[in-house]
Amino acid sequence: MDIAVTGASGFLGSALCSFLASRGHHVIRVVRRDLRLGESAIRWHPDTGDIDAAGLGEVDAVVHLAGEDIAGYWSAAKKRRILESRVDGTALISRTLASLGPRPGGARILIAASGIGYYGDRGDEALAEESPPGNGFLADVCKQWEAATAPAAEAGVRVVRLRTAMVLGKGGALEKLLPVFKGGLGGPLGAGQQIWSWIALADYLRLVLFALETPALTGPVNASAPGAVRNADFTRTLGRVLHRPAIFPVPRMAARLVLGEFAESLYSSANAVPGALQAAGFSFDLPELESALRHGLEPA
């Protein structure tokens, strides 16, 4: 399969490109920079709405992962980049695929990133793909992000919207937690009762391939392991894996002073259940948190 990947230099994208290539697929990176001589890549500029439509027309599928990192202090400018990088880029990919028509071998495929932020702060509620969206900045971003795939879906492209939980691997959110925990200063966020959904990087890569290869899978899909845990359990388990204590709670107000509005997402609860994946026959290799953390942190 010829597969184009946006966000190919990021934490998920770089791992996915290597994984798909190792499974015999031809991976074409979608990049903003000028192409090197003989390079197999597709150039785009989502800020200006420019894309190599002819290049995109040669692929069977697009895995769209590009977007501003949500971690960090949420200034007004940061929030604007988070929203626009997702909505504008997705709309450009979606419109372009819609304009191309089907491939000779069948429908084109768009695997589009989204997030479990779609559900907002929902306490202990089990959140299936058909659950309504929540409230707050990230929920609003995810709603617009997913809506931007509509032109492709309406044109007959098979669209899968991956509502992705925290991905555990070298890089990403886990990497940002490690210095504090390795220093023995880790601990729960507040009382630690909020539910954190997660997925091992190895399972995330497998489920993207599963989505590409499963024609019946379409629409929203919770990319989350079945073993969601409370934050206190997550931090305790991470401390155990690192052989460090994890006993220092982080007050909500202190996190808010350092991270601004972004801190609220860390204290939010989202118990995302992978119903669509399991109904389609996907099985998780790493469904338990401790084994997923050990696998994600082991030397390459």
C-alpha atoms as a PDB file:
ATOM      1  CA  MET A   1       0.000   0.000   0.000  1.00  0.00           C
ATOM      2  CA  ASP A   2       1.231   3.536  -0.770  1.00  0.00           C
ATOM      3  CA  ILE A   3       0.687   5.560   2.413  1.00  0.00           C
ATOM      4  CA  ALA A   4       1.275   9.292   2.908  1.00  0.00           C
ATOM      5  CA  VAL A   5       1.969  10.464   6.472  1.00  0.00           C
ATOM      6  CA  THR A   6       1.733  14.026   7.767  1.00  0.00           C
ATOM      7  CA  GLY A   7       3.504  14.898  11.002  1.00  0.00           C
ATOM      8  CA  ALA A   8       6.104  12.345   9.954  1.00  0.00           C
ATOM      9  CA  SER A   9       8.919  13.912  11.990  1.00  0.00           C
ATOM     10  CA  GLY A  10       6.965  13.894  15.260  1.00  0.00           C
ATOM     11  CA  PHE A  11       6.838  11.349  18.070  1.00  0.00           C
ATOM     12  CA  LEU A  12       4.027   9.283  16.552  1.00  0.00           C
ATOM     13  CA  GLY A  13       4.743  10.004  12.898  1.00  0.00           C
ATOM     14  CA  SER A  14       8.394   8.984  12.925  1.00  0.00           C
ATOM     15  CA  ALA A  15       7.610   5.728  14.726  1.00  0.00           C
ATOM     16  CA  LEU A  16       4.700   5.030  12.381  1.00  0.00           C
ATOM     17  CA  CYS A  17       6.749   5.602   9.218  1.00  0.00           C
ATOM     18  CA  SER A  18       9.354   3.088  10.370  1.00  0.00           C
ATOM     19  CA  PHE A  19       6.694   0.596  11.450  1.00  0.00           C
ATOM     20  CA  LEU A  20       4.712   0.747   8.204  1.00  0.00           C
ATOM     21  CA  ALA A  21       7.887   0.435   6.121  1.00  0.00           C
ATOM     22  CA  SER A  22       8.917  -2.615   8.153  1.00  0.00           C
ATOM     23  CA  ARG A  23       5.576  -4.194   7.205  1.00  0.00           C
ATOM     24  CA  GLY A  24       6.304  -3.763   3.514  1.00  0.00           C
ATOM     25  CA  HIS A  25       4.335  -0.586   2.810  1.00  0.00           C
ATOM     26  CA  HIS A  26       5.650   2.325   0.752  1.00  0.00           C
ATOM     27  CA  VAL A  27       5.626   5.382   3.005  1.00  0.00           C
ATOM     28  CA  ILE A  28       5.640   8.904   1.572  1.00  0.00           C
ATOM     29  CA  ARG A  29       6.247  11.727   4.026  1.00  0.00           C
ATOM     30  CA  VAL A  30       4.214  14.923   3.648  1.00  0.00           C
ATOM     31  CA  VAL A  31       6.588  17.803   4.426  1.00  0.00           C
ATOM     32  CA  ARG A  32       6.682  21.606   4.472  1.00  0.00           C
ATOM     33  CA  ARG A  33      10.320  22.048   3.460  1.00  0.00           C
ATOM     34  CA  ASP A  34      11.782  22.036  -0.045  1.00  0.00           C
ATOM     35  CA  LEU A  35      12.323  18.531  -1.363  1.00  0.00           C
ATOM     36  CA  ARG A  36      15.802  17.144  -1.837  1.00  0.00           C
ATOM     37  CA  LEU A  37      16.807  15.841  -5.256  1.00  0.00           C
ATOM     38  CA  GLY A  38      15.226  12.437  -5.826  1.00  0.00           C
ATOM     39  CA  GLU A  39      13.345  12.507  -2.512  1.00  0.00           C
ATOM     40  CA  SER A  40      10.034  10.630  -2.395  1.00  0.00           C
ATOM     41  CA  ALA A  41       7.838  13.060  -0.483  1.00  0.00           C
ATOM     42  CA  ILE A  42       4.804  15.309  -0.905  1.00  0.00           C
ATOM     43  CA  ARG A  43       5.125  19.009  -0.227  1.00  0.00           C
ATOM     44  CA  TRP A  44       2.402  21.048   1.463  1.00  0.00           C
ATOM     45  CA  HIS A  45       1.878  24.368   3.205  1.00  0.00           C
ATOM     46  CA  PRO A  46      -1.321  24.115   5.257  1.00  0.00           C
ATOM     47  CA  ASP A  47      -0.969  27.739   6.390  1.00  0.00           C
ATOM     48  CA  THR A  48      -1.461  28.918   2.813  1.00  0.00           C
ATOM     49  CA  GLY A  49      -3.628  26.050   1.572  1.00  0.00           C
ATOM     50  CA  ASP A  50      -1.012  24.736  -0.863  1.00  0.00           C
ATOM     51  CA  ILE A  51      -0.492  21.015  -1.428  1.00  0.00           C
ATOM     52  CA  ASP A  52       0.876  18.734  -4.132  1.00  0.00           C
ATOM     53  CA  ALA A  53      -2.491  17.268  -5.138  1.00  0.00           C
ATOM     54  CA  ALA A  54      -0.934  15.185  -7.903  1.00  0.00           C
ATOM     55  CA  GLY A  55       1.417  13.566  -5.403  1.00  0.00           C
ATOM     56  CA  LEU A  56      -1.444  12.879  -3.005  1.00  0.00           C
ATOM     57  CA  GLY A  57      -3.367  11.355  -5.881  1.00  0.00           C
ATOM     58  CA  GLU A  58      -0.758   8.598  -6.183  1.00  0.00           C
ATOM     59  CA  VAL A  59      -1.330   7.191  -2.681  1.00  0.00           C
ATOM     60  CA  ASP A  60      -3.866   4.696  -1.377  1.00  0.00           C
ATOM     61  CA  ALA A  61      -4.122   6.187   2.096  1.00  0.00           C
ATOM     62  CA  VAL A  62      -3.221   9.230   4.163  1.00  0.00           C
ATOM     63  CA  VAL A  63      -2.438   9.074   7.872  1.00  0.00           C
ATOM     64  CA  HIS A  64      -2.834  12.649   9.057  1.00  0.00           C
ATOM     65  CA  LEU A  65      -1.016  13.323  12.350  1.00  0.00           C
ATOM     66  CA  ALA A  66       0.247  16.900  11.949  1.00  0.00           C
ATOM     67  CA  GLY A  67      -0.653  19.457  14.596  1.00  0.00           C
ATOM     68  CA  GLU A  68       0.803  21.821  17.196  1.00  0.00           C
ATOM     69  CA  ASP A  69       1.904  20.051  20.401  1.00  0.00           C
ATOM     70  CA  ILE A  70      -0.732  20.733  23.070  1.00  0.00           C
ATOM     71  CA  ALA A  71       1.768  20.524  25.945  1.00  0.00           C
ATOM     72  CA  GLY A  72       3.017  23.751  27.487  1.00  0.00           C
ATOM     73  CA  TYR A  73       1.595  27.062  28.634  1.00  0.00           C
ATOM     74  CA  TRP A  74      -1.549  27.938  26.706  1.00  0.00           C
ATOM     75  CA  SER A  75      -1.146  31.544  25.682  1.00  0.00           C
ATOM     76  CA  ALA A  76      -3.725  32.978  23.304  1.00  0.00           C
ATOM     77  CA  ALA A  77      -1.237  32.476  20.453  1.00  0.00           C
ATOM     78  CA  LYS A  78      -0.550  28.862  21.494  1.00  0.00           C
ATOM     79  CA  LYS A  79      -4.271  28.073  21.593  1.00  0.00           C
ATOM     80  CA  ARG A  80      -4.721  29.588  18.153  1.00  0.00           C
ATOM     81  CA  ARG A  81      -1.893  27.422  16.769  1.00  0.00           C
ATOM     82  CA  ILE A  82      -3.360  24.298  18.397  1.00  0.00           C
ATOM     83  CA  LEU A  83      -6.716  24.935  16.726  1.00  0.00           C
ATOM     84  CA  GLU A  84      -5.600  26.197  13.327  1.00  0.00           C
ATOM     85  CA  SER A  85      -2.849  23.612  12.795  1.00  0.00           C
ATOM     86  CA  ARG A  86      -5.402  20.844  13.256  1.00  0.00           C
ATOM     87  CA  VAL A  87      -8.473  22.238  11.558  1.00  0.00           C
ATOM     88  CA  ASP A  88      -6.781  23.948   8.600  1.00  0.00           C
ATOM     89  CA  GLY A  89      -4.448  21.035   7.842  1.00  0.00           C
ATOM     90  CA  THR A  90      -7.226  18.461   8.100  1.00  0.00           C
ATOM     91  CA  ALA A  91      -9.551  20.527   5.921  1.00  0.00           C
ATOM     92  CA  LEU A  92      -6.843  20.845   3.254  1.00  0.00           C
ATOM     93  CA  ILE A  93      -6.139  17.096   3.207  1.00  0.00           C
ATOM     94  CA  SER A  94      -9.856  16.301   3.231  1.00  0.00           C
ATOM     95  CA  ARG A  95     -10.769  18.677   0.395  1.00  0.00           C
ATOM     96  CA  THR A  96      -7.868  17.446  -1.702  1.00  0.00           C
ATOM     97  CA  LEU A  97      -8.772  13.780  -1.274  1.00  0.00           C
ATOM     98  CA  ALA A  98     -12.402  14.606  -2.076  1.00  0.00           C
ATOM     99  CA  SER A  99     -11.336  16.212  -5.348  1.00  0.00           C
ATOM    100  CA  LEU A 100      -9.300  13.208  -6.512  1.00  0.00           C
ATOM    101  CA  GLY A 101     -11.938  10.513  -6.823  1.00  0.00           C
ATOM    102  CA  PRO A 102     -11.368   6.837  -5.978  1.00  0.00           C
ATOM    103  CA  ARG A 103      -8.196   4.899  -6.670  1.00  0.00           C
ATOM    104  CA  PRO A 104      -8.409   2.175  -9.347  1.00  0.00           C
ATOM    105  CA  GLY A 105      -8.286  -0.461  -6.604  1.00  0.00           C
ATOM    106  CA  GLY A 106     -11.093   1.032  -4.517  1.00  0.00           C
ATOM    107  CA  ALA A 107     -11.847   3.805  -2.043  1.00  0.00           C
ATOM    108  CA  ARG A 108      -9.096   5.998  -0.692  1.00  0.00           C
ATOM    109  CA  ILE A 109      -8.466   5.970   3.047  1.00  0.00           C
ATOM    110  CA  LEU A 110      -7.956   8.838   5.495  1.00  0.00           C
ATOM    111  CA  ILE A 111      -6.815   7.983   9.018  1.00  0.00           C
ATOM    112  CA  ALA A 112      -7.194  11.313  10.806  1.00  0.00           C
ATOM    113  CA  ALA A 113      -5.889  12.048  14.281  1.00  0.00           C
ATOM    114  CA  SER A 114      -8.205  13.356  16.958  1.00  0.00           C
ATOM    115  CA  GLY A 115      -8.049  13.064  20.735  1.00  0.00           C
ATOM    116  CA  ILE A 116     -10.009  11.871  23.746  1.00  0.00           C
ATOM    117  CA  GLY A 117     -10.152  15.548  24.654  1.00  0.00           C
ATOM    118  CA  TYR A 118     -13.291  15.349  22.498  1.00  0.00           C
ATOM    119  CA  TYR A 119     -15.151  14.054  25.567  1.00  0.00           C
ATOM    120  CA  GLY A 120     -14.096  16.787  27.998  1.00  0.00           C
ATOM    121  CA  ASP A 121     -14.021  16.171  31.756  1.00  0.00           C
ATOM    122  CA  ARG A 122     -16.497  13.323  32.339  1.00  0.00           C
ATOM    123  CA  GLY A 123     -15.664  11.773  35.718  1.00  0.00           C
ATOM    124  CA  ASP A 124     -16.038   7.981  35.828  1.00  0.00           C
ATOM    125  CA  GLU A 125     -18.397   7.754  32.831  1.00  0.00           C
ATOM    126  CA  ALA A 126     -17.420   5.045  30.345  1.00  0.00           C
ATOM    127  CA  LEU A 127     -16.974   6.912  27.063  1.00  0.00           C
ATOM    128  CA  ALA A 128     -17.784   5.004  23.889  1.00  0.00           C
ATOM    129  CA  GLU A 129     -17.427   6.393  20.383  1.00  0.00           C
ATOM    130  CA  GLU A 130     -21.120   7.340  20.315  1.00  0.00           C
ATOM    131  CA  SER A 131     -20.854   9.358  23.552  1.00  0.00           C
ATOM    132  CA  PRO A 132     -21.618  13.060  23.024  1.00  0.00           C
ATOM    133  CA  PRO A 133     -18.788  15.604  23.001  1.00  0.00           C
ATOM    134  CA  GLY A 134     -17.866  17.455  26.149  1.00  0.00           C
ATOM    135  CA  ASN A 135     -17.080  21.059  26.948  1.00  0.00           C
ATOM    136  CA  GLY A 136     -13.892  23.086  27.116  1.00  0.00           C
ATOM    137  CA  PHE A 137     -11.143  24.188  24.772  1.00  0.00           C
ATOM    138  CA  LEU A 138      -9.851  20.747  23.763  1.00  0.00           C
ATOM    139  CA  ALA A 139     -13.364  19.404  23.230  1.00  0.00           C
ATOM    140  CA  ASP A 140     -14.119  22.354  20.947  1.00  0.00           C
ATOM    141  CA  VAL A 141     -10.854  21.793  19.050  1.00  0.00           C
ATOM    142  CA  CYS A 142     -11.599  18.089  18.576  1.00  0.00           C
ATOM    143  CA  LYS A 143     -15.132  18.767  17.345  1.00  0.00           C
ATOM    144  CA  GLN A 144     -13.862  21.175  14.680  1.00  0.00           C
ATOM    145  CA  TRP A 145     -10.909  18.890  13.890  1.00  0.00           C
ATOM    146  CA  GLU A 146     -13.189  15.935  13.205  1.00  0.00           C
ATOM    147  CA  ALA A 147     -15.728  18.033  11.309  1.00  0.00           C
ATOM    148  CA  ALA A 148     -12.957  19.043   8.899  1.00  0.00           C
ATOM    149  CA  THR A 149     -12.871  15.456   7.567  1.00  0.00           C
ATOM    150  CA  ALA A 150     -16.445  15.758   6.232  1.00  0.00           C
ATOM    151  CA  PRO A 151     -15.574  16.627   2.591  1.00  0.00           C
ATOM    152  CA  ALA A 152     -13.529  13.431   2.251  1.00  0.00           C
ATOM    153  CA  ALA A 153     -16.193  11.241   3.856  1.00  0.00           C
ATOM    154  CA  GLU A 154     -18.924  12.761   1.689  1.00  0.00           C
ATOM    155  CA  ALA A 155     -16.829  12.019  -1.418  1.00  0.00           C
ATOM    156  CA  GLY A 156     -16.575   8.314  -0.563  1.00  0.00           C
ATOM    157  CA  VAL A 157     -13.190   8.294   1.178  1.00  0.00           C
ATOM    158  CA  ARG A 158     -13.140   5.832   4.093  1.00  0.00           C
ATOM    159  CA  VAL A 159     -12.417   8.121   7.029  1.00  0.00           C
ATOM    160  CA  VAL A 160     -11.307   6.840  10.439  1.00  0.00           C
ATOM    161  CA  ARG A 161     -11.040   9.458  13.186  1.00  0.00           C
ATOM    162  CA  LEU A 162      -8.651   8.219  15.870  1.00  0.00           C
ATOM    163  CA  ARG A 163      -9.549   9.714  19.245  1.00  0.00           C
ATOM    164  CA  THR A 164      -6.152   9.045  20.724  1.00  0.00           C
ATOM    165  CA  ALA A 165      -5.341   8.750  24.423  1.00  0.00           C
ATOM    166  CA  MET A 166      -1.907   9.458  25.923  1.00  0.00           C
ATOM    167  CA  VAL A 167       0.567   7.306  23.995  1.00  0.00           C
ATOM    168  CA  LEU A 168       3.228   5.650  26.156  1.00  0.00           C
ATOM    169  CA  GLY A 169       6.643   5.412  24.536  1.00  0.00           C
ATOM    170  CA  LYS A 170       9.974   7.197  24.327  1.00  0.00           C
ATOM    171  CA  GLY A 171       8.878  10.722  23.529  1.00  0.00           C
ATOM    172  CA  GLY A 172       5.507  12.370  23.825  1.00  0.00           C
ATOM    173  CA  ALA A 173       3.802  13.033  27.144  1.00  0.00           C
ATOM    174  CA  LEU A 174       5.618  10.262  29.007  1.00  0.00           C
ATOM    175  CA  GLU A 175       9.005  11.768  28.166  1.00  0.00           C
ATOM    176  CA  LYS A 176       7.924  15.043  29.782  1.00  0.00           C
ATOM    177  CA  LEU A 177       7.027  13.271  33.037  1.00  0.00           C
ATOM    178  CA  LEU A 178      10.281  11.338  33.405  1.00  0.00           C
ATOM    179  CA  PRO A 179      12.654  14.038  34.766  1.00  0.00           C
ATOM    180  CA  VAL A 180      10.365  14.813  37.707  1.00  0.00           C
ATOM    181  CA  PHE A 181       9.765  11.153  38.524  1.00  0.00           C
ATOM    182  CA  LYS A 182      13.402  10.149  38.085  1.00  0.00           C
ATOM    183  CA  GLY A 183      14.271  12.923  40.529  1.00  0.00           C
ATOM    184  CA  GLY A 184      11.979  11.353  43.116  1.00  0.00           C
ATOM    185  CA  LEU A 185       9.567  14.293  43.030  1.00  0.00           C
ATOM    186  CA  GLY A 186       6.685  12.687  41.151  1.00  0.00           C
ATOM    187  CA  GLY A 187       3.231  12.144  42.518  1.00  0.00           C
ATOM    188  CA  PRO A 188      -0.482  12.386  41.841  1.00  0.00           C
ATOM    189  CA  LEU A 189      -2.085  15.480  40.394  1.00  0.00           C
ATOM    190  CA  GLY A 190      -4.314  16.756  43.155  1.00  0.00           C
ATOM    191  CA  ALA A 191      -6.185  13.879  44.785  1.00  0.00           C
ATOM    192  CA  GLY A 192      -5.353  11.735  41.744  1.00  0.00           C
ATOM    193  CA  GLN A 193      -8.917  10.494  41.281  1.00  0.00           C
ATOM    194  CA  GLN A 194      -9.226  11.615  37.647  1.00  0.00           C
ATOM    195  CA  ILE A 195      -9.152   8.773  35.111  1.00  0.00           C
ATOM    196  CA  TRP A 196      -6.302   8.776  32.617  1.00  0.00           C
ATOM    197  CA  SER A 197      -6.747   6.818  29.422  1.00  0.00           C
ATOM    198  CA  TRP A 198      -3.575   5.660  27.675  1.00  0.00           C
ATOM    199  CA  ILE A 199      -2.249   3.337  24.982  1.00  0.00           C
ATOM    200  CA  ALA A 200       1.169   1.749  24.464  1.00  0.00           C
ATOM    201  CA  LEU A 201       3.034   3.058  21.432  1.00  0.00           C
ATOM    202  CA  ALA A 202       3.421  -0.501  20.115  1.00  0.00           C
ATOM    203  CA  ASP A 203      -0.353  -1.008  20.204  1.00  0.00           C
ATOM    204  CA  TYR A 204      -0.992   2.409  18.672  1.00  0.00           C
ATOM    205  CA  LEU A 205       1.186   1.516  15.675  1.00  0.00           C
ATOM    206  CA  ARG A 206      -0.570  -1.817  15.288  1.00  0.00           C
ATOM    207  CA  LEU A 207      -4.016  -0.255  15.455  1.00  0.00           C
ATOM    208  CA  VAL A 208      -3.182   2.306  12.742  1.00  0.00           C
ATOM    209  CA  LEU A 209      -2.173  -0.582  10.485  1.00  0.00           C
ATOM    210  CA  PHE A 210      -5.335  -2.438  11.541  1.00  0.00           C
ATOM    211  CA  ALA A 211      -7.432   0.612  10.611  1.00  0.00           C
ATOM    212  CA  LEU A 212      -5.745   0.805   7.215  1.00  0.00           C
ATOM    213  CA  GLU A 213      -6.381  -2.884   6.527  1.00  0.00           C
ATOM    214  CA  THR A 214      -9.944  -3.174   7.902  1.00  0.00           C
ATOM    215  CA  PRO A 215     -12.491  -1.860   5.370  1.00  0.00           C
ATOM    216  CA  ALA A 216     -15.383  -2.132   7.833  1.00  0.00           C
ATOM    217  CA  LEU A 217     -13.743   0.270  10.290  1.00  0.00           C
ATOM    218  CA  THR A 218     -14.923   3.835   9.774  1.00  0.00           C
ATOM    219  CA  GLY A 219     -15.897   6.924  11.751  1.00  0.00           C
ATOM    220  CA  PRO A 220     -14.710   7.686  15.296  1.00  0.00           C
ATOM    221  CA  VAL A 221     -12.451   5.139  16.993  1.00  0.00           C
ATOM    222  CA  ASN A 222     -11.141   5.383  20.549  1.00  0.00           C
ATOM    223  CA  ALA A 223      -7.409   4.682  20.325  1.00  0.00           C
ATOM    224  CA  SER A 224      -7.152   3.794  23.984  1.00  0.00           C
ATOM    225  CA  ALA A 225      -6.224   0.642  25.881  1.00  0.00           C
ATOM    226  CA  PRO A 226      -8.959  -1.083  27.904  1.00  0.00           C
ATOM    227  CA  GLY A 227      -7.007  -0.530  31.137  1.00  0.00           C
ATOM    228  CA  ALA A 228      -7.656   3.141  31.937  1.00  0.00           C
ATOM    229  CA  VAL A 229      -6.591   4.001  35.514  1.00  0.00           C
ATOM    230  CA  ARG A 230      -6.882   6.787  38.042  1.00  0.00           C
ATOM    231  CA  ASN A 231      -4.067   9.302  38.015  1.00  0.00           C
ATOM    232  CA  ALA A 232      -2.912   8.192  41.465  1.00  0.00           C
ATOM    233  CA  ASP A 233      -2.544   4.627  40.175  1.00  0.00           C
ATOM    234  CA  PHE A 234      -0.748   5.849  37.047  1.00  0.00           C
ATOM    235  CA  THR A 235       1.812   7.870  39.011  1.00  0.00           C
ATOM    236  CA  ARG A 236       2.299   5.091  41.569  1.00  0.00           C
ATOM    237  CA  THR A 237       2.913   2.575  38.779  1.00  0.00           C
ATOM    238  CA  LEU A 238       5.322   4.880  36.956  1.00  0.00           C
ATOM    239  CA  GLY A 239       7.259   5.387  40.190  1.00  0.00           C
ATOM    240  CA  ARG A 240       7.463   1.618  40.696  1.00  0.00           C
ATOM    241  CA  VAL A 241       8.721   1.051  37.148  1.00  0.00           C
ATOM    242  CA  LEU A 242      11.386   3.737  37.653  1.00  0.00           C
ATOM    243  CA  HIS A 243      12.227   2.535  41.213  1.00  0.00           C
ATOM    244  CA  ARG A 244      11.424   5.989  42.560  1.00  0.00           C
ATOM    245  CA  PRO A 245       8.906   7.251  45.119  1.00  0.00           C
ATOM    246  CA  ALA A 246       5.811   8.974  43.743  1.00  0.00           C
ATOM    247  CA  ILE A 247       4.319  10.536  46.850  1.00  0.00           C
ATOM    248  CA  PHE A 248       4.327  14.291  46.283  1.00  0.00           C
ATOM    249  CA  PRO A 249       0.888  15.520  45.159  1.00  0.00           C
ATOM    250  CA  VAL A 250       0.805  18.489  42.790  1.00  0.00           C
ATOM    251  CA  PRO A 251      -1.866  21.022  43.824  1.00  0.00           C
ATOM    252  CA  ARG A 252      -4.121  22.158  40.989  1.00  0.00           C
ATOM    253  CA  MET A 253      -3.370  25.820  41.650  1.00  0.00           C
ATOM    254  CA  ALA A 254       0.392  25.262  41.420  1.00  0.00           C
ATOM    255  CA  ALA A 255       0.032  23.489  38.079  1.00  0.00           C
ATOM    256  CA  ARG A 256      -2.252  26.258  36.845  1.00  0.00           C
ATOM    257  CA  LEU A 257       0.373  28.892  37.698  1.00  0.00           C
ATOM    258  CA  VAL A 258       3.028  27.049  35.679  1.00  0.00           C
ATOM    259  CA  LEU A 259       0.966  25.692  32.781  1.00  0.00           C
ATOM    260  CA  GLY A 260      -2.029  27.990  32.590  1.00  0.00           C
ATOM    261  CA  GLU A 261      -5.206  26.536  31.115  1.00  0.00           C
ATOM    262  CA  PHE A 262      -3.313  23.446  29.881  1.00  0.00           C
ATOM    263  CA  ALA A 263      -3.181  22.255  33.498  1.00  0.00           C
ATOM    264  CA  GLU A 264      -6.944  21.728  33.460  1.00  0.00           C
ATOM    265  CA  SER A 265      -6.558  18.952  30.886  1.00  0.00           C
ATOM    266  CA  LEU A 266      -4.252  17.078  33.286  1.00  0.00           C
ATOM    267  CA  TYR A 267      -6.850  17.196  36.050  1.00  0.00           C
ATOM    268  CA  SER A 268      -9.673  16.158  33.710  1.00  0.00           C
ATOM    269  CA  SER A 269     -11.116  12.649  33.662  1.00  0.00           C
ATOM    270  CA  ALA A 270     -11.819  10.699  30.461  1.00  0.00           C
ATOM    271  CA  ASN A 271     -12.462   6.953  30.591  1.00  0.00           C
ATOM    272  CA  ALA A 272     -12.333   6.180  26.856  1.00  0.00           C
ATOM    273  CA  VAL A 273     -13.417   2.615  26.032  1.00  0.00           C
ATOM    274  CA  PRO A 274     -12.055   1.023  22.804  1.00  0.00           C
ATOM    275  CA  GLY A 275     -15.400  -0.436  21.762  1.00  0.00           C
ATOM    276  CA  ALA A 276     -15.099   0.066  18.001  1.00  0.00           C
ATOM    277  CA  LEU A 277     -11.640  -1.518  17.875  1.00  0.00           C
ATOM    278  CA  GLN A 278     -12.624  -4.528  19.933  1.00  0.00           C
ATOM    279  CA  ALA A 279     -15.849  -5.035  17.967  1.00  0.00           C
ATOM    280  CA  ALA A 280     -13.764  -5.042  14.774  1.00  0.00           C
ATOM    281  CA  GLY A 281     -11.481  -7.760  16.182  1.00  0.00           C
ATOM    282  CA  PHE A 282      -8.436  -5.780  17.344  1.00  0.00           C
ATOM    283  CA  SER A 283      -6.588  -7.197  20.348  1.00  0.00           C
ATOM    284  CA  PHE A 284      -4.129  -5.286  22.512  1.00  0.00           C
ATOM    285  CA  ASP A 285      -0.681  -6.734  23.139  1.00  0.00           C
ATOM    286  CA  LEU A 286      -0.131  -4.422  26.133  1.00  0.00           C
ATOM    287  CA  PRO A 287      -3.489  -3.887  27.870  1.00  0.00           C
ATOM    288  CA  GLU A 288      -2.022  -3.435  31.371  1.00  0.00           C
ATOM    289  CA  LEU A 289      -0.355  -0.191  32.432  1.00  0.00           C
ATOM    290  CA  GLU A 290       2.755  -1.571  34.125  1.00  0.00           C
ATOM    291  CA  SER A 291       3.727  -3.800  31.199  1.00  0.00           C
ATOM    292  CA  ALA A 292       3.040  -0.927  28.790  1.00  0.00           C
ATOM    293  CA  LEU A 293       5.280   1.429  30.770  1.00  0.00           C
ATOM    294  CA  ARG A 294       8.073  -1.139  31.030  1.00  0.00           C
ATOM    295  CA  HIS A 295       7.856  -1.840  27.306  1.00  0.00           C
ATOM    296  CA  GLY A 296       7.788   1.858  26.456  1.00  0.00           C
ATOM    297  CA  LEU A 297      10.798   2.704  28.608  1.00  0.00           C
ATOM    298  CA  GLU A 298      13.038  -0.246  27.787  1.00  0.00           C
ATOM    299  CA  PRO A 299      16.279   0.508  25.900  1.00  0.00           C
ATOM    300  CA  ALA A 300      15.979   0.452  22.103  1.00  0.00           C
END
